[in-house]
């Protein structure tokens, strides 16, 4: 069975069956894949942007995805996190929904200069430039268990900087969840020792 970018193709008679993979199983991976549109040459030429806004706009699909995230961090009815962090900007959409479903609060990690109070900051390289992220000082009660969510894990720079900010601000990282991991960019390797949960791996 040949594999291309984490997606398996098999022949059943004259029909080609596409099988998706992810850390919450193939059904959830297929749900995410069905809500993704590829946009060529955005934000720069040569970049294939993964647009997840169709997934956000599909109520049933979005709810199933959020339930899968909450379920990953809930074992035997016990929730393993106290607050959710969303990374600007699409991470805000996911984080707010996860926090609401779990009955916990949400904390934004923002681009530089967007927060009104004193903030921790971390700069990093991403696949098409440089960026700086910030989180407010006092955003977490010391020892709070934090789940970080974002849309895509690419090279891992954004995730690494965010997890560092959470810890510098007093939180304890319970895990990182992304809707899609671009495995060919090896971002997970940059996060060795972390609990990385990707609903769709391509």
C-alpha atoms as a PDB file:
ATOM      1  CA  UNK A   1       0.000   0.000   0.000  1.00  0.00           C
ATOM      2  CA  UNK A   2       1.755   3.207  -1.125  1.00  0.00           C
ATOM      3  CA  UNK A   3       1.898   6.199   1.226  1.00  0.00           C
ATOM      4  CA  UNK A   4       2.067   9.876   0.263  1.00  0.00           C
ATOM      5  CA  UNK A   5       2.491  12.549   2.949  1.00  0.00           C
ATOM      6  CA  UNK A   6       0.835  10.412   5.612  1.00  0.00           C
ATOM      7  CA  UNK A   7      -2.198   9.601   3.471  1.00  0.00           C
ATOM      8  CA  UNK A   8      -2.582   5.976   2.412  1.00  0.00           C
ATOM      9  CA  UNK A   9      -4.142   4.941  -0.897  1.00  0.00           C
ATOM     10  CA  UNK A  10      -5.397   1.422  -1.556  1.00  0.00           C
ATOM     11  CA  UNK A  11      -7.261  -0.203  -4.428  1.00  0.00           C
ATOM     12  CA  UNK A  12     -10.586  -1.940  -3.822  1.00  0.00           C
ATOM     13  CA  UNK A  13     -11.635  -3.223  -7.216  1.00  0.00           C
ATOM     14  CA  UNK A  14     -11.654  -0.126  -9.437  1.00  0.00           C
ATOM     15  CA  UNK A  15     -12.111   2.279  -6.520  1.00  0.00           C
ATOM     16  CA  UNK A  16      -9.191   4.055  -4.849  1.00  0.00           C
ATOM     17  CA  UNK A  17      -9.732   4.303  -1.089  1.00  0.00           C
ATOM     18  CA  UNK A  18      -8.056   7.181   0.741  1.00  0.00           C
ATOM     19  CA  UNK A  19      -7.087   6.498   4.347  1.00  0.00           C
ATOM     20  CA  UNK A  20      -6.057   9.402   6.580  1.00  0.00           C
ATOM     21  CA  UNK A  21      -3.997   9.136   9.733  1.00  0.00           C
ATOM     22  CA  UNK A  22      -3.804  11.123  12.946  1.00  0.00           C
ATOM     23  CA  UNK A  23      -3.355  10.717  16.686  1.00  0.00           C
ATOM     24  CA  UNK A  24      -7.127  10.419  17.301  1.00  0.00           C
ATOM     25  CA  UNK A  25      -7.625   7.789  14.602  1.00  0.00           C
ATOM     26  CA  UNK A  26      -8.513   7.735  10.897  1.00  0.00           C
ATOM     27  CA  UNK A  27     -12.141   8.853  11.285  1.00  0.00           C
ATOM     28  CA  UNK A  28     -11.171  12.089  13.036  1.00  0.00           C
ATOM     29  CA  UNK A  29      -8.298  12.600  10.597  1.00  0.00           C
ATOM     30  CA  UNK A  30     -10.750  12.291   7.699  1.00  0.00           C
ATOM     31  CA  UNK A  31     -13.064  14.843   9.351  1.00  0.00           C
ATOM     32  CA  UNK A  32     -10.247  17.384   9.473  1.00  0.00           C
ATOM     33  CA  UNK A  33      -9.061  16.594   5.950  1.00  0.00           C
ATOM     34  CA  UNK A  34     -12.562  17.178   4.610  1.00  0.00           C
ATOM     35  CA  UNK A  35     -12.511  20.723   5.960  1.00  0.00           C
ATOM     36  CA  UNK A  36      -9.154  21.800   4.495  1.00  0.00           C
ATOM     37  CA  UNK A  37      -8.610  23.768   1.284  1.00  0.00           C
ATOM     38  CA  UNK A  38      -5.115  24.206  -0.200  1.00  0.00           C
ATOM     39  CA  UNK A  39      -4.275  27.758  -1.291  1.00  0.00           C
ATOM     40  CA  UNK A  40      -1.220  28.065  -3.545  1.00  0.00           C
ATOM     41  CA  UNK A  41       1.386  30.815  -3.151  1.00  0.00           C
ATOM     42  CA  UNK A  42       0.036  32.214   0.123  1.00  0.00           C
ATOM     43  CA  UNK A  43       1.317  34.100   2.058  1.00  0.00           C
ATOM     44  CA  UNK A  44       4.365  33.998  -0.230  1.00  0.00           C
ATOM     45  CA  UNK A  45       5.140  32.360  -3.594  1.00  0.00           C
ATOM     46  CA  UNK A  46       5.998  28.704  -3.169  1.00  0.00           C
ATOM     47  CA  UNK A  47       4.001  28.291   0.049  1.00  0.00           C
ATOM     48  CA  UNK A  48       0.960  26.002  -0.014  1.00  0.00           C
ATOM     49  CA  UNK A  49      -1.335  27.397   2.697  1.00  0.00           C
ATOM     50  CA  UNK A  50      -3.696  25.013   4.474  1.00  0.00           C
ATOM     51  CA  UNK A  51      -6.978  26.914   4.910  1.00  0.00           C
ATOM     52  CA  UNK A  52      -9.054  25.480   7.751  1.00  0.00           C
ATOM     53  CA  UNK A  53     -11.833  28.070   7.703  1.00  0.00           C
ATOM     54  CA  UNK A  54     -14.207  25.669   5.861  1.00  0.00           C
ATOM     55  CA  UNK A  55     -13.853  23.302   8.841  1.00  0.00           C
ATOM     56  CA  UNK A  56     -14.690  26.122  11.272  1.00  0.00           C
ATOM     57  CA  UNK A  57     -17.771  27.006   9.204  1.00  0.00           C
ATOM     58  CA  UNK A  58     -19.163  23.449   9.257  1.00  0.00           C
ATOM     59  CA  UNK A  59     -20.921  23.138  12.621  1.00  0.00           C
ATOM     60  CA  UNK A  60     -21.144  19.351  12.809  1.00  0.00           C
ATOM     61  CA  UNK A  61     -17.568  18.835  11.646  1.00  0.00           C
ATOM     62  CA  UNK A  62     -16.215  21.515  13.990  1.00  0.00           C
ATOM     63  CA  UNK A  63     -18.050  20.111  17.001  1.00  0.00           C
ATOM     64  CA  UNK A  64     -16.743  16.593  16.317  1.00  0.00           C
ATOM     65  CA  UNK A  65     -13.197  17.922  16.084  1.00  0.00           C
ATOM     66  CA  UNK A  66     -13.523  19.880  19.341  1.00  0.00           C
ATOM     67  CA  UNK A  67     -14.983  16.817  21.085  1.00  0.00           C
ATOM     68  CA  UNK A  68     -11.988  14.779  19.895  1.00  0.00           C
ATOM     69  CA  UNK A  69      -9.579  17.308  21.406  1.00  0.00           C
ATOM     70  CA  UNK A  70     -11.371  17.414  24.760  1.00  0.00           C
ATOM     71  CA  UNK A  71     -11.640  13.619  24.755  1.00  0.00           C
ATOM     72  CA  UNK A  72      -7.889  13.246  24.265  1.00  0.00           C
ATOM     73  CA  UNK A  73      -7.275  15.059  27.552  1.00  0.00           C
ATOM     74  CA  UNK A  74     -10.075  13.401  29.502  1.00  0.00           C
ATOM     75  CA  UNK A  75      -9.506   9.914  30.869  1.00  0.00           C
ATOM     76  CA  UNK A  76     -12.034   8.179  33.083  1.00  0.00           C
ATOM     77  CA  UNK A  77     -13.990  11.397  33.386  1.00  0.00           C
ATOM     78  CA  UNK A  78     -10.975  13.281  34.775  1.00  0.00           C
ATOM     79  CA  UNK A  79      -9.815  16.343  32.855  1.00  0.00           C
ATOM     80  CA  UNK A  80      -6.011  16.709  32.664  1.00  0.00           C
ATOM     81  CA  UNK A  81      -5.947  20.481  32.094  1.00  0.00           C
ATOM     82  CA  UNK A  82      -7.124  23.665  33.814  1.00  0.00           C
ATOM     83  CA  UNK A  83      -6.910  26.257  31.034  1.00  0.00           C
ATOM     84  CA  UNK A  84      -6.502  26.407  27.247  1.00  0.00           C
ATOM     85  CA  UNK A  85      -4.046  28.579  25.318  1.00  0.00           C
ATOM     86  CA  UNK A  86      -4.826  29.644  21.759  1.00  0.00           C
ATOM     87  CA  UNK A  87      -2.124  30.896  19.398  1.00  0.00           C
ATOM     88  CA  UNK A  88      -2.944  33.895  17.216  1.00  0.00           C
ATOM     89  CA  UNK A  89      -4.943  33.843  15.137  1.00  0.00           C
ATOM     90  CA  UNK A  90      -6.731  30.634  14.128  1.00  0.00           C
ATOM     91  CA  UNK A  91      -5.736  29.050  17.412  1.00  0.00           C
ATOM     92  CA  UNK A  92      -8.113  31.490  19.120  1.00  0.00           C
ATOM     93  CA  UNK A  93     -11.086  29.880  17.364  1.00  0.00           C
ATOM     94  CA  UNK A  94     -10.079  26.379  18.439  1.00  0.00           C
ATOM     95  CA  UNK A  95      -9.071  27.351  21.978  1.00  0.00           C
ATOM     96  CA  UNK A  96     -12.309  29.175  22.741  1.00  0.00           C
ATOM     97  CA  UNK A  97     -14.367  26.187  21.608  1.00  0.00           C
ATOM     98  CA  UNK A  98     -12.258  23.680  23.567  1.00  0.00           C
ATOM     99  CA  UNK A  99     -12.375  25.842  26.698  1.00  0.00           C
ATOM    100  CA  UNK A 100     -16.158  26.224  26.455  1.00  0.00           C
ATOM    101  CA  UNK A 101     -16.678  22.487  25.930  1.00  0.00           C
ATOM    102  CA  UNK A 102     -14.443  21.657  28.901  1.00  0.00           C
ATOM    103  CA  UNK A 103     -15.745  24.410  31.185  1.00  0.00           C
ATOM    104  CA  UNK A 104     -12.361  26.094  31.640  1.00  0.00           C
ATOM    105  CA  UNK A 105     -10.802  29.453  30.788  1.00  0.00           C
ATOM    106  CA  UNK A 106      -8.835  30.502  27.725  1.00  0.00           C
ATOM    107  CA  UNK A 107      -5.622  32.549  27.421  1.00  0.00           C
ATOM    108  CA  UNK A 108      -4.448  34.130  24.143  1.00  0.00           C
ATOM    109  CA  UNK A 109      -0.844  34.051  22.967  1.00  0.00           C
ATOM    110  CA  UNK A 110      -0.581  37.093  20.719  1.00  0.00           C
ATOM    111  CA  UNK A 111       1.731  38.670  18.195  1.00  0.00           C
ATOM    112  CA  UNK A 112       4.080  41.330  19.546  1.00  0.00           C
ATOM    113  CA  UNK A 113       2.539  44.620  20.630  1.00  0.00           C
ATOM    114  CA  UNK A 114      -1.063  43.410  20.904  1.00  0.00           C
ATOM    115  CA  UNK A 115      -1.278  42.931  24.680  1.00  0.00           C
ATOM    116  CA  UNK A 116      -1.972  45.959  26.936  1.00  0.00           C
ATOM    117  CA  UNK A 117      -0.076  44.709  30.012  1.00  0.00           C
ATOM    118  CA  UNK A 118       3.514  43.676  30.673  1.00  0.00           C
ATOM    119  CA  UNK A 119       4.172  40.455  28.801  1.00  0.00           C
ATOM    120  CA  UNK A 120       6.663  37.652  28.332  1.00  0.00           C
ATOM    121  CA  UNK A 121       7.904  37.435  24.729  1.00  0.00           C
ATOM    122  CA  UNK A 122       9.687  34.919  22.520  1.00  0.00           C
ATOM    123  CA  UNK A 123      10.995  35.400  18.986  1.00  0.00           C
ATOM    124  CA  UNK A 124      11.432  32.545  16.543  1.00  0.00           C
ATOM    125  CA  UNK A 125      11.923  31.680  12.883  1.00  0.00           C
ATOM    126  CA  UNK A 126       9.064  30.183  10.914  1.00  0.00           C
ATOM    127  CA  UNK A 127       8.963  28.686   7.450  1.00  0.00           C
ATOM    128  CA  UNK A 128       8.463  32.036   5.716  1.00  0.00           C
ATOM    129  CA  UNK A 129      10.007  34.682   8.009  1.00  0.00           C
ATOM    130  CA  UNK A 130      10.433  35.835  11.625  1.00  0.00           C
ATOM    131  CA  UNK A 131       7.828  36.383  14.347  1.00  0.00           C
ATOM    132  CA  UNK A 132       7.483  37.266  18.032  1.00  0.00           C
ATOM    133  CA  UNK A 133       4.783  35.971  20.360  1.00  0.00           C
ATOM    134  CA  UNK A 134       3.722  37.298  23.757  1.00  0.00           C
ATOM    135  CA  UNK A 135       1.644  36.227  26.746  1.00  0.00           C
ATOM    136  CA  UNK A 136       0.666  38.504  29.627  1.00  0.00           C
ATOM    137  CA  UNK A 137       2.510  38.218  32.910  1.00  0.00           C
ATOM    138  CA  UNK A 138       0.162  36.661  35.441  1.00  0.00           C
ATOM    139  CA  UNK A 139      -1.853  34.892  32.747  1.00  0.00           C
ATOM    140  CA  UNK A 140      -1.702  31.645  34.737  1.00  0.00           C
ATOM    141  CA  UNK A 141      -1.990  30.652  38.353  1.00  0.00           C
ATOM    142  CA  UNK A 142       1.311  28.968  39.281  1.00  0.00           C
ATOM    143  CA  UNK A 143       1.107  25.287  38.452  1.00  0.00           C
ATOM    144  CA  UNK A 144      -2.000  25.499  36.254  1.00  0.00           C
ATOM    145  CA  UNK A 145      -2.119  22.692  33.707  1.00  0.00           C
ATOM    146  CA  UNK A 146      -2.243  24.185  30.233  1.00  0.00           C
ATOM    147  CA  UNK A 147      -3.265  22.700  26.897  1.00  0.00           C
ATOM    148  CA  UNK A 148      -1.983  24.688  23.917  1.00  0.00           C
ATOM    149  CA  UNK A 149      -3.965  24.503  20.672  1.00  0.00           C
ATOM    150  CA  UNK A 150      -3.241  25.767  17.173  1.00  0.00           C
ATOM    151  CA  UNK A 151      -4.296  24.985  13.643  1.00  0.00           C
ATOM    152  CA  UNK A 152      -1.093  23.664  12.026  1.00  0.00           C
ATOM    153  CA  UNK A 153       2.242  22.275  13.228  1.00  0.00           C
ATOM    154  CA  UNK A 154       4.819  23.029  10.541  1.00  0.00           C
ATOM    155  CA  UNK A 155       8.488  23.574  11.469  1.00  0.00           C
ATOM    156  CA  UNK A 156       7.637  23.732  15.171  1.00  0.00           C
ATOM    157  CA  UNK A 157       8.904  27.263  15.802  1.00  0.00           C
ATOM    158  CA  UNK A 158       5.540  28.689  16.825  1.00  0.00           C
ATOM    159  CA  UNK A 159       4.771  25.733  19.076  1.00  0.00           C
ATOM    160  CA  UNK A 160       8.186  25.744  20.724  1.00  0.00           C
ATOM    161  CA  UNK A 161       7.980  29.476  21.467  1.00  0.00           C
ATOM    162  CA  UNK A 162       4.437  29.150  22.833  1.00  0.00           C
ATOM    163  CA  UNK A 163       5.265  26.269  25.161  1.00  0.00           C
ATOM    164  CA  UNK A 164       8.270  28.222  26.450  1.00  0.00           C
ATOM    165  CA  UNK A 165       6.061  31.264  27.110  1.00  0.00           C
ATOM    166  CA  UNK A 166       3.518  29.172  29.022  1.00  0.00           C
ATOM    167  CA  UNK A 167       6.233  27.819  31.305  1.00  0.00           C
ATOM    168  CA  UNK A 168       7.876  31.200  31.822  1.00  0.00           C
ATOM    169  CA  UNK A 169       4.467  32.597  32.822  1.00  0.00           C
ATOM    170  CA  UNK A 170       4.000  29.904  35.488  1.00  0.00           C
ATOM    171  CA  UNK A 171       1.925  27.321  33.645  1.00  0.00           C
ATOM    172  CA  UNK A 172       2.600  23.597  33.338  1.00  0.00           C
ATOM    173  CA  UNK A 173       2.236  22.304  29.784  1.00  0.00           C
ATOM    174  CA  UNK A 174      -0.223  19.402  29.699  1.00  0.00           C
ATOM    175  CA  UNK A 175       0.007  19.019  25.942  1.00  0.00           C
ATOM    176  CA  UNK A 176      -0.069  20.568  22.493  1.00  0.00           C
ATOM    177  CA  UNK A 177      -2.886  19.835  20.060  1.00  0.00           C
ATOM    178  CA  UNK A 178      -2.991  20.866  16.408  1.00  0.00           C
ATOM    179  CA  UNK A 179      -5.617  20.133  13.806  1.00  0.00           C
ATOM    180  CA  UNK A 180      -2.974  19.321  11.191  1.00  0.00           C
ATOM    181  CA  UNK A 181       0.684  18.338  11.322  1.00  0.00           C
ATOM    182  CA  UNK A 182       2.855  18.792   8.226  1.00  0.00           C
ATOM    183  CA  UNK A 183       5.136  15.879   9.040  1.00  0.00           C
ATOM    184  CA  UNK A 184       7.530  16.539   6.147  1.00  0.00           C
ATOM    185  CA  UNK A 185       8.641  19.727   7.969  1.00  0.00           C
ATOM    186  CA  UNK A 186       9.646  17.700  11.052  1.00  0.00           C
ATOM    187  CA  UNK A 187       8.135  20.059  13.621  1.00  0.00           C
ATOM    188  CA  UNK A 188       7.423  17.206  16.036  1.00  0.00           C
ATOM    189  CA  UNK A 189      11.147  16.421  16.208  1.00  0.00           C
ATOM    190  CA  UNK A 190      11.723  19.928  17.562  1.00  0.00           C
ATOM    191  CA  UNK A 191       9.291  19.164  20.404  1.00  0.00           C
ATOM    192  CA  UNK A 192      10.799  15.935  21.705  1.00  0.00           C
ATOM    193  CA  UNK A 193       9.583  15.130  25.195  1.00  0.00           C
ATOM    194  CA  UNK A 194       6.315  17.026  24.691  1.00  0.00           C
ATOM    195  CA  UNK A 195       2.847  15.506  24.368  1.00  0.00           C
ATOM    196  CA  UNK A 196       2.024  16.397  20.753  1.00  0.00           C
ATOM    197  CA  UNK A 197      -1.470  15.504  19.534  1.00  0.00           C
ATOM    198  CA  UNK A 198      -2.236  16.028  15.842  1.00  0.00           C
ATOM    199  CA  UNK A 199      -5.709  15.186  14.563  1.00  0.00           C
ATOM    200  CA  UNK A 200      -4.475  14.912  10.962  1.00  0.00           C
ATOM    201  CA  UNK A 201      -0.911  14.061   9.946  1.00  0.00           C
ATOM    202  CA  UNK A 202       0.087  14.734   6.341  1.00  0.00           C
END
